Amino acid sequence: MTKDFNGWRKSRHSEPNGHCIEAGRAIDGTIGVRDSKHHGNGPTLQFTSAEWRIFLHKVRADAP
């Protein structure tokens, strides 16, 4: 089942050439992540709130 995500935001770390990711939230708190170059028509990765926190923590820990 496809969830309805709202409030899509582009990452502050996205490239200015259109290589961006966007994140949105579903009413149940699920986080959706998609590639902006598909203009909302591509696949969406879905994370629970706990998975999203872990993902962000690991990405930030590995950042230069």
C-alpha atoms as a PDB file:
ATOM      1  CA  MET A   1       0.000   0.000   0.000  1.00  0.00           C
ATOM      2  CA  THR A   2       1.310   3.436  -0.902  1.00  0.00           C
ATOM      3  CA  LYS A   3       1.303   5.979   1.889  1.00  0.00           C
ATOM      4  CA  ASP A   4       0.453   9.628   1.472  1.00  0.00           C
ATOM      5  CA  PHE A   5       3.494  11.745   2.387  1.00  0.00           C
ATOM      6  CA  ASN A   6       3.275  15.483   2.970  1.00  0.00           C
ATOM      7  CA  GLY A   7       5.629  18.382   3.571  1.00  0.00           C
ATOM      8  CA  TRP A   8       8.329  17.214   1.173  1.00  0.00           C
ATOM      9  CA  ARG A   9      11.621  19.054   1.782  1.00  0.00           C
ATOM     10  CA  LYS A  10      14.868  18.951  -0.162  1.00  0.00           C
ATOM     11  CA  SER A  11      18.028  18.130   1.730  1.00  0.00           C
ATOM     12  CA  ARG A  12      20.223  21.113   2.598  1.00  0.00           C
ATOM     13  CA  HIS A  13      23.144  19.019   1.332  1.00  0.00           C
ATOM     14  CA  SER A  14      21.698  18.502  -2.152  1.00  0.00           C
ATOM     15  CA  GLU A  15      23.601  19.500  -5.256  1.00  0.00           C
ATOM     16  CA  PRO A  16      22.412  22.620  -7.148  1.00  0.00           C
ATOM     17  CA  ASN A  17      22.345  20.599 -10.404  1.00  0.00           C
ATOM     18  CA  GLY A  18      19.138  18.774  -9.442  1.00  0.00           C
ATOM     19  CA  HIS A  19      20.691  15.731  -7.802  1.00  0.00           C
ATOM     20  CA  CYS A  20      18.558  15.995  -4.682  1.00  0.00           C
ATOM     21  CA  ILE A  21      16.699  13.889  -2.212  1.00  0.00           C
ATOM     22  CA  GLU A  22      13.473  14.916  -0.563  1.00  0.00           C
ATOM     23  CA  ALA A  23      11.937  13.735   2.683  1.00  0.00           C
ATOM     24  CA  GLY A  24       8.282  13.820   3.666  1.00  0.00           C
ATOM     25  CA  ARG A  25       6.162  12.507   6.530  1.00  0.00           C
ATOM     26  CA  ALA A  26       3.012  10.381   6.551  1.00  0.00           C
ATOM     27  CA  ILE A  27       0.241  10.903   9.083  1.00  0.00           C
ATOM     28  CA  ASP A  28       1.405   7.803  11.021  1.00  0.00           C
ATOM     29  CA  GLY A  29       4.932   9.258  11.393  1.00  0.00           C
ATOM     30  CA  THR A  30       6.541   7.188   8.637  1.00  0.00           C
ATOM     31  CA  ILE A  31       9.289   9.082   6.791  1.00  0.00           C
ATOM     32  CA  GLY A  32       9.403   8.869   2.998  1.00  0.00           C
ATOM     33  CA  VAL A  33      12.567   9.593   1.009  1.00  0.00           C
ATOM     34  CA  ARG A  34      12.605  10.065  -2.757  1.00  0.00           C
ATOM     35  CA  ASP A  35      14.821  11.313  -5.593  1.00  0.00           C
ATOM     36  CA  SER A  36      13.642  14.762  -6.702  1.00  0.00           C
ATOM     37  CA  LYS A  37      14.598  14.254 -10.348  1.00  0.00           C
ATOM     38  CA  HIS A  38      11.648  11.844 -10.717  1.00  0.00           C
ATOM     39  CA  HIS A  39       9.252  14.713  -9.850  1.00  0.00           C
ATOM     40  CA  GLY A  40       7.283  12.603  -7.366  1.00  0.00           C
ATOM     41  CA  ASN A  41       6.800   9.687  -9.764  1.00  0.00           C
ATOM     42  CA  GLY A  42       9.691   7.481  -8.670  1.00  0.00           C
ATOM     43  CA  PRO A  43       9.959   5.013  -5.803  1.00  0.00           C
ATOM     44  CA  THR A  44       9.845   6.165  -2.192  1.00  0.00           C
ATOM     45  CA  LEU A  45      11.900   4.576   0.569  1.00  0.00           C
ATOM     46  CA  GLN A  46       9.952   4.326   3.817  1.00  0.00           C
ATOM     47  CA  PHE A  47      11.433   4.521   7.321  1.00  0.00           C
ATOM     48  CA  THR A  48       9.809   4.274  10.726  1.00  0.00           C
ATOM     49  CA  SER A  49      10.656   7.165  13.052  1.00  0.00           C
ATOM     50  CA  ALA A  50      13.157   4.955  14.908  1.00  0.00           C
ATOM     51  CA  GLU A  51      14.790   3.785  11.660  1.00  0.00           C
ATOM     52  CA  TRP A  52      15.049   7.384  10.446  1.00  0.00           C
ATOM     53  CA  ARG A  53      16.760   8.522  13.667  1.00  0.00           C
ATOM     54  CA  ILE A  54      19.281   5.666  13.389  1.00  0.00           C
ATOM     55  CA  PHE A  55      19.866   6.411   9.699  1.00  0.00           C
ATOM     56  CA  LEU A  56      20.507  10.121  10.355  1.00  0.00           C
ATOM     57  CA  HIS A  57      22.771   9.343  13.304  1.00  0.00           C
ATOM     58  CA  LYS A  58      24.926   7.012  11.176  1.00  0.00           C
ATOM     59  CA  VAL A  59      25.074   9.427   8.233  1.00  0.00           C
ATOM     60  CA  ARG A  60      26.100  12.304  10.496  1.00  0.00           C
ATOM     61  CA  ALA A  61      28.697  10.144  12.270  1.00  0.00           C
ATOM     62  CA  ASP A  62      30.306   9.266   8.907  1.00  0.00           C
ATOM     63  CA  ALA A  63      30.214  12.835   7.550  1.00  0.00           C
ATOM     64  CA  PRO A  64      33.566  14.570   7.047  1.00  0.00           C
END
